[in-house]
Structures are given as C-alpha cells and as structure tokens.
C-alpha cells in the first residue's frame, strides 16, 4: 500500500519521538510515511528544514499541511482516530485545535526538557 499521508517529524525531540511512536503503533495499515527531518533536509519535501522543525507538517494526497491541519491529516489516516480527523475538517473546530497547538508550541521547549529526563 502506498502512503497517502507523509509526516515530517523532529527525531531529535523526545516528545515528538514518543508521539510518533504511538502513532506508528496505531498505523497498522502502513498508511503513513514517517520522515525524520532532524538529520537534514529530506529530498522529497518542498519545505525548508528549519520550518519543518518549528511546526508539525504533513502531506495528504499531495497537499502540504501545517500545525493542527497536519495532525488532522495524520489522524484521518488511522481508523481509530479518523473521526477526530474528519471533525477537524470543520473550520471552527480546526481553529480551536490550531489555537491549542499554538499554545503547545510556546511550551514545547519546557516539555522537551521534561521528556529528556
């Protein structure tokens, strides 16, 4: 099965690694292609590595998404999480999720330190 969703993640981030580990276990169909961008710019990605490390990005059916929209694309690829991903297609729901993600990004450095311990 070819992956319709590609997820670019920071493999040097312990928090990100844990999250991706959970998602990999849930992705029993192999619907998601995971690309670690911590070591360098992936050839297949149209986005700069610094941008990829600053925010979560995914590609769904050829469309590059960022932030909450990228998480929603990843969720839609996993049957158990698909309802949440479909709910995020609603603009109001996606706005709320994006606000939550923006708050998370402000606290991400502190959280990373906690997960390194």
N, C-alpha and C. Protein backbone atom coordinates (compact mmCIF):
# COMPACT_ATOMS: atom_id res chain seq x y z
N UNK A 1 0.84 -1.18 0.00
CA UNK A 1 0.00 0.00 0.00
C UNK A 1 0.88 1.24 0.00
N UNK A 2 0.66 2.18 -0.89
CA UNK A 2 1.45 3.41 -0.89
C UNK A 2 0.82 4.38 0.11
N UNK A 3 1.69 5.20 0.71
CA UNK A 3 1.23 6.13 1.73
C UNK A 3 0.61 7.36 1.10
N UNK A 4 -0.62 7.66 1.50
CA UNK A 4 -1.27 8.88 1.03
C UNK A 4 -0.92 10.04 1.95
N UNK A 5 -0.40 9.72 3.15
CA UNK A 5 -0.03 10.75 4.11
C UNK A 5 1.45 10.61 4.43
N UNK A 6 2.17 11.72 4.36
CA UNK A 6 3.56 11.78 4.78
C UNK A 6 3.63 12.71 5.96
N UNK A 7 4.34 12.29 6.99
CA UNK A 7 4.52 13.09 8.20
C UNK A 7 6.00 13.37 8.37
N UNK A 8 6.34 14.64 8.49
CA UNK A 8 7.72 15.05 8.77
C UNK A 8 7.79 15.39 10.25
N UNK A 9 8.74 14.79 10.97
CA UNK A 9 8.83 15.00 12.42
C UNK A 9 10.27 15.21 12.85
N UNK A 10 10.42 15.79 14.04
CA UNK A 10 11.73 16.09 14.62
C UNK A 10 12.18 14.88 15.43
N UNK A 11 13.05 14.08 14.87
CA UNK A 11 13.54 12.88 15.53
C UNK A 11 14.50 13.17 16.67
N UNK A 12 14.91 14.42 16.85
CA UNK A 12 15.78 14.80 17.97
C UNK A 12 14.95 15.27 19.17
N UNK A 13 13.66 15.35 19.02
CA UNK A 13 12.76 15.81 20.07
C UNK A 13 12.17 14.60 20.79
N UNK A 14 12.48 14.43 22.09
CA UNK A 14 11.97 13.26 22.80
C UNK A 14 10.44 13.23 22.87
N UNK A 15 9.83 14.37 22.96
CA UNK A 15 8.37 14.46 22.99
C UNK A 15 7.79 14.00 21.65
N UNK A 16 8.39 14.48 20.57
CA UNK A 16 7.94 14.10 19.22
C UNK A 16 8.12 12.60 18.99
N UNK A 17 9.26 12.06 19.43
CA UNK A 17 9.52 10.64 19.24
C UNK A 17 8.48 9.78 19.94
N UNK A 18 8.08 10.19 21.15
CA UNK A 18 7.06 9.42 21.87
C UNK A 18 5.74 9.47 21.12
N UNK A 19 5.37 10.66 20.68
CA UNK A 19 4.10 10.80 19.96
C UNK A 19 4.10 9.99 18.66
N UNK A 20 5.18 10.10 17.90
CA UNK A 20 5.28 9.36 16.64
C UNK A 20 5.28 7.86 16.91
N UNK A 21 5.90 7.44 18.01
CA UNK A 21 5.90 6.03 18.38
C UNK A 21 4.49 5.50 18.60
N UNK A 22 3.66 6.29 19.26
CA UNK A 22 2.27 5.89 19.49
C UNK A 22 1.52 5.81 18.17
N UNK A 23 1.73 6.82 17.33
CA UNK A 23 1.02 6.84 16.04
C UNK A 23 1.47 5.68 15.15
N UNK A 24 2.76 5.37 15.16
CA UNK A 24 3.25 4.22 14.37
C UNK A 24 2.55 2.92 14.78
N UNK A 25 2.36 2.74 16.09
CA UNK A 25 1.68 1.54 16.57
C UNK A 25 0.22 1.50 16.11
N UNK A 26 -0.41 2.66 16.06
CA UNK A 26 -1.81 2.72 15.63
C UNK A 26 -1.95 2.58 14.11
N UNK A 27 -0.89 2.89 13.38
CA UNK A 27 -0.91 2.84 11.91
C UNK A 27 -0.62 1.41 11.42
N UNK A 28 -1.51 0.52 11.71
CA UNK A 28 -1.32 -0.90 11.36
C UNK A 28 -1.36 -1.15 9.86
N UNK A 29 -2.01 -0.26 9.12
CA UNK A 29 -2.14 -0.44 7.67
C UNK A 29 -0.95 0.13 6.90
N UNK A 30 -0.07 0.85 7.59
CA UNK A 30 1.06 1.48 6.91
C UNK A 30 0.62 2.62 6.00
N UNK A 31 -0.40 3.35 6.44
CA UNK A 31 -0.95 4.44 5.62
C UNK A 31 -0.12 5.72 5.70
N UNK A 32 0.80 5.76 6.65
CA UNK A 32 1.58 6.99 6.86
C UNK A 32 3.06 6.71 6.62
N UNK A 33 3.67 7.60 5.87
CA UNK A 33 5.12 7.55 5.68
C UNK A 33 5.72 8.56 6.66
N UNK A 34 6.57 8.10 7.56
CA UNK A 34 7.20 8.95 8.57
C UNK A 34 8.60 9.33 8.13
N UNK A 35 8.91 10.64 8.16
CA UNK A 35 10.23 11.12 7.74
C UNK A 35 10.83 11.95 8.86
N UNK A 36 11.97 11.48 9.38
CA UNK A 36 12.70 12.20 10.42
C UNK A 36 13.50 13.32 9.74
N UNK A 37 13.23 14.56 10.13
CA UNK A 37 13.91 15.70 9.49
C UNK A 37 15.02 16.28 10.35
N UNK A 38 15.32 15.65 11.50
CA UNK A 38 16.32 16.21 12.40
C UNK A 38 17.74 16.14 11.84
N UNK A 39 18.00 15.19 10.96
CA UNK A 39 19.35 14.99 10.43
C UNK A 39 19.64 15.82 9.18
N UNK A 40 18.64 16.39 8.57
CA UNK A 40 18.87 17.16 7.35
C UNK A 40 17.61 17.32 6.54
N UNK A 41 17.73 18.06 5.47
CA UNK A 41 16.61 18.34 4.59
C UNK A 41 16.26 17.11 3.76
N UNK A 42 15.05 16.57 3.93
CA UNK A 42 14.66 15.43 3.10
C UNK A 42 14.46 15.85 1.64
N UNK A 43 14.91 15.02 0.73
CA UNK A 43 14.80 15.33 -0.70
C UNK A 43 13.36 15.49 -1.15
N UNK A 44 12.48 14.72 -0.56
CA UNK A 44 11.09 14.69 -1.03
C UNK A 44 10.23 15.83 -0.48
N UNK A 45 10.80 16.73 0.32
CA UNK A 45 9.99 17.74 0.98
C UNK A 45 10.18 19.13 0.37
N UNK A 46 9.08 19.79 0.05
CA UNK A 46 9.17 21.14 -0.54
C UNK A 46 9.35 22.25 0.50
N UNK A 47 9.49 21.88 1.78
CA UNK A 47 9.58 22.86 2.85
C UNK A 47 10.98 22.83 3.45
N UNK A 48 11.49 23.99 3.84
CA UNK A 48 12.80 24.13 4.44
C UNK A 48 12.87 23.38 5.79
N UNK A 49 14.02 22.78 6.08
CA UNK A 49 14.18 22.01 7.31
C UNK A 49 13.87 22.83 8.56
N UNK A 50 14.28 24.08 8.61
CA UNK A 50 14.03 24.89 9.80
C UNK A 50 12.53 25.06 10.04
N UNK A 51 11.77 25.19 8.97
CA UNK A 51 10.31 25.27 9.08
C UNK A 51 9.72 23.94 9.57
N UNK A 52 10.27 22.85 9.05
CA UNK A 52 9.79 21.52 9.45
C UNK A 52 10.04 21.27 10.93
N UNK A 53 11.14 21.79 11.46
CA UNK A 53 11.47 21.59 12.86
C UNK A 53 10.68 22.52 13.78
N UNK A 54 10.21 23.64 13.24
CA UNK A 54 9.49 24.62 14.05
C UNK A 54 8.02 24.27 14.24
N UNK A 55 7.42 23.64 13.24
CA UNK A 55 5.99 23.29 13.27
C UNK A 55 5.81 21.91 12.67
N UNK A 56 4.75 21.25 13.08
CA UNK A 56 4.43 19.92 12.56
C UNK A 56 3.87 20.08 11.15
N UNK A 57 4.37 19.25 10.22
CA UNK A 57 3.92 19.28 8.83
C UNK A 57 3.58 17.87 8.35
N UNK A 58 2.61 17.80 7.48
CA UNK A 58 2.23 16.55 6.84
C UNK A 58 1.75 16.86 5.43
N UNK A 59 1.77 15.85 4.61
CA UNK A 59 1.23 15.95 3.25
C UNK A 59 0.12 14.91 3.14
N UNK A 60 -1.04 15.38 2.69
CA UNK A 60 -2.17 14.47 2.49
C UNK A 60 -2.61 14.60 1.04
N UNK A 61 -2.50 13.51 0.31
CA UNK A 61 -2.86 13.50 -1.10
C UNK A 61 -2.20 14.64 -1.87
N UNK A 62 -0.92 14.89 -1.56
CA UNK A 62 -0.15 15.89 -2.28
C UNK A 62 -0.25 17.31 -1.75
N UNK A 63 -1.14 17.57 -0.80
CA UNK A 63 -1.27 18.91 -0.22
C UNK A 63 -0.48 18.99 1.08
N UNK A 64 0.44 19.95 1.18
CA UNK A 64 1.24 20.12 2.39
C UNK A 64 0.43 20.93 3.40
N UNK A 65 0.35 20.38 4.62
CA UNK A 65 -0.42 20.99 5.70
C UNK A 65 0.50 21.25 6.88
N UNK A 66 0.11 22.21 7.73
CA UNK A 66 0.93 22.59 8.87
C UNK A 66 0.07 22.69 10.13
N UNK A 67 0.70 22.47 11.29
CA UNK A 67 0.01 22.65 12.55
C UNK A 67 -1.13 21.68 12.75
N UNK A 68 -2.25 22.19 13.27
CA UNK A 68 -3.41 21.34 13.57
C UNK A 68 -3.93 20.63 12.32
N UNK A 69 -3.88 21.28 11.18
CA UNK A 69 -4.35 20.66 9.95
C UNK A 69 -3.50 19.44 9.60
N UNK A 70 -2.20 19.50 9.90
CA UNK A 70 -1.31 18.36 9.65
C UNK A 70 -1.64 17.21 10.60
N UNK A 71 -1.90 17.54 11.87
CA UNK A 71 -2.30 16.49 12.81
C UNK A 71 -3.60 15.84 12.36
N UNK A 72 -4.54 16.64 11.91
CA UNK A 72 -5.83 16.11 11.46
C UNK A 72 -5.65 15.17 10.27
N UNK A 73 -4.75 15.50 9.36
CA UNK A 73 -4.48 14.62 8.21
C UNK A 73 -3.93 13.28 8.70
N UNK A 74 -3.02 13.34 9.67
CA UNK A 74 -2.44 12.12 10.22
C UNK A 74 -3.54 11.28 10.90
N UNK A 75 -4.41 11.94 11.65
CA UNK A 75 -5.50 11.24 12.33
C UNK A 75 -6.43 10.56 11.33
N UNK A 76 -6.70 11.25 10.21
CA UNK A 76 -7.62 10.67 9.21
C UNK A 76 -7.08 9.38 8.60
N UNK A 77 -5.76 9.21 8.63
CA UNK A 77 -5.14 8.01 8.05
C UNK A 77 -5.22 6.79 8.96
N UNK A 78 -5.63 7.01 10.21
CA UNK A 78 -5.69 5.93 11.19
C UNK A 78 -7.15 5.68 11.57
N UNK A 79 -7.67 4.50 11.29
CA UNK A 79 -9.10 4.25 11.53
C UNK A 79 -9.60 4.66 12.91
N UNK A 80 -8.85 4.39 13.96
CA UNK A 80 -9.28 4.72 15.31
C UNK A 80 -9.39 6.24 15.53
N UNK A 81 -8.54 7.00 14.86
CA UNK A 81 -8.51 8.46 15.04
C UNK A 81 -9.25 9.21 13.93
N UNK A 82 -9.68 8.47 12.90
CA UNK A 82 -10.32 9.10 11.74
C UNK A 82 -11.50 10.02 12.10
N UNK A 83 -12.38 9.64 13.04
CA UNK A 83 -13.49 10.56 13.37
C UNK A 83 -13.01 11.92 13.86
N UNK A 84 -11.95 11.94 14.65
CA UNK A 84 -11.40 13.21 15.11
C UNK A 84 -10.83 14.01 13.93
N UNK A 85 -10.13 13.32 13.03
CA UNK A 85 -9.59 13.97 11.84
C UNK A 85 -10.67 14.54 10.94
N UNK A 86 -11.77 13.80 10.81
CA UNK A 86 -12.89 14.29 9.99
C UNK A 86 -13.57 15.49 10.66
N UNK A 87 -13.70 15.44 11.97
CA UNK A 87 -14.27 16.56 12.72
C UNK A 87 -13.45 17.83 12.50
N UNK A 88 -12.13 17.66 12.39
CA UNK A 88 -11.23 18.80 12.20
C UNK A 88 -11.37 19.43 10.81
N UNK A 89 -12.11 18.82 9.92
CA UNK A 89 -12.38 19.46 8.61
C UNK A 89 -13.32 20.66 8.77
N UNK A 90 -14.02 20.71 9.89
CA UNK A 90 -14.87 21.86 10.20
C UNK A 90 -13.95 23.02 10.57
N UNK A 91 -14.13 24.16 9.91
CA UNK A 91 -13.25 25.32 10.10
C UNK A 91 -13.20 25.79 11.55
N UNK A 92 -14.32 25.80 12.24
CA UNK A 92 -14.35 26.26 13.63
C UNK A 92 -13.56 25.30 14.53
N UNK A 93 -13.73 24.01 14.31
CA UNK A 93 -13.00 23.01 15.10
C UNK A 93 -11.50 23.14 14.83
N UNK A 94 -11.14 23.29 13.57
CA UNK A 94 -9.73 23.41 13.20
C UNK A 94 -9.11 24.67 13.82
N UNK A 95 -9.86 25.76 13.88
CA UNK A 95 -9.35 27.00 14.52
C UNK A 95 -9.04 26.76 15.99
N UNK A 96 -9.93 26.06 16.68
CA UNK A 96 -9.72 25.76 18.10
C UNK A 96 -8.49 24.87 18.26
N UNK A 97 -8.38 23.84 17.44
CA UNK A 97 -7.23 22.95 17.51
C UNK A 97 -5.93 23.70 17.22
N UNK A 98 -5.97 24.63 16.28
CA UNK A 98 -4.78 25.41 15.94
C UNK A 98 -4.37 26.31 17.11
N UNK A 99 -5.34 26.88 17.80
CA UNK A 99 -5.02 27.70 18.99
C UNK A 99 -4.37 26.85 20.07
N UNK A 100 -4.91 25.67 20.28
CA UNK A 100 -4.32 24.76 21.27
C UNK A 100 -2.89 24.40 20.86
N UNK A 101 -2.69 24.12 19.58
CA UNK A 101 -1.35 23.78 19.08
C UNK A 101 -0.39 24.95 19.25
N UNK A 102 -0.85 26.16 19.01
CA UNK A 102 0.00 27.34 19.16
C UNK A 102 0.44 27.51 20.62
N UNK A 103 -0.48 27.27 21.55
CA UNK A 103 -0.13 27.32 22.98
C UNK A 103 0.90 26.24 23.29
N UNK A 104 0.68 25.05 22.77
CA UNK A 104 1.63 23.95 22.97
C UNK A 104 3.02 24.35 22.48
N UNK A 105 3.09 24.98 21.31
CA UNK A 105 4.40 25.35 20.75
C UNK A 105 5.16 26.30 21.67
N UNK A 106 4.45 27.18 22.35
CA UNK A 106 5.11 28.11 23.28
C UNK A 106 5.74 27.36 24.45
N UNK A 107 5.13 26.24 24.84
CA UNK A 107 5.61 25.47 25.99
C UNK A 107 6.45 24.25 25.60
N UNK A 108 6.59 24.05 24.31
CA UNK A 108 7.31 22.86 23.81
C UNK A 108 8.74 22.74 24.36
N UNK A 109 9.53 23.83 24.40
CA UNK A 109 10.90 23.68 24.94
C UNK A 109 10.93 23.16 26.38
N UNK A 110 10.03 23.64 27.21
CA UNK A 110 9.97 23.16 28.60
C UNK A 110 9.56 21.70 28.66
N UNK A 111 8.59 21.33 27.84
CA UNK A 111 8.13 19.95 27.81
C UNK A 111 9.22 19.01 27.30
N UNK A 112 9.99 19.47 26.32
CA UNK A 112 11.09 18.65 25.79
C UNK A 112 12.10 18.35 26.89
N UNK A 113 12.40 19.35 27.72
CA UNK A 113 13.35 19.14 28.82
C UNK A 113 12.82 18.10 29.79
N UNK A 114 11.53 18.13 30.08
CA UNK A 114 10.93 17.14 30.98
C UNK A 114 11.05 15.73 30.41
N UNK A 115 10.84 15.59 29.11
CA UNK A 115 10.87 14.26 28.49
C UNK A 115 12.29 13.75 28.26
N UNK A 116 13.28 14.63 28.32
CA UNK A 116 14.68 14.19 28.17
C UNK A 116 15.16 13.50 29.43
N UNK A 117 14.54 13.81 30.56
CA UNK A 117 14.99 13.26 31.85
C UNK A 117 14.69 11.80 31.96
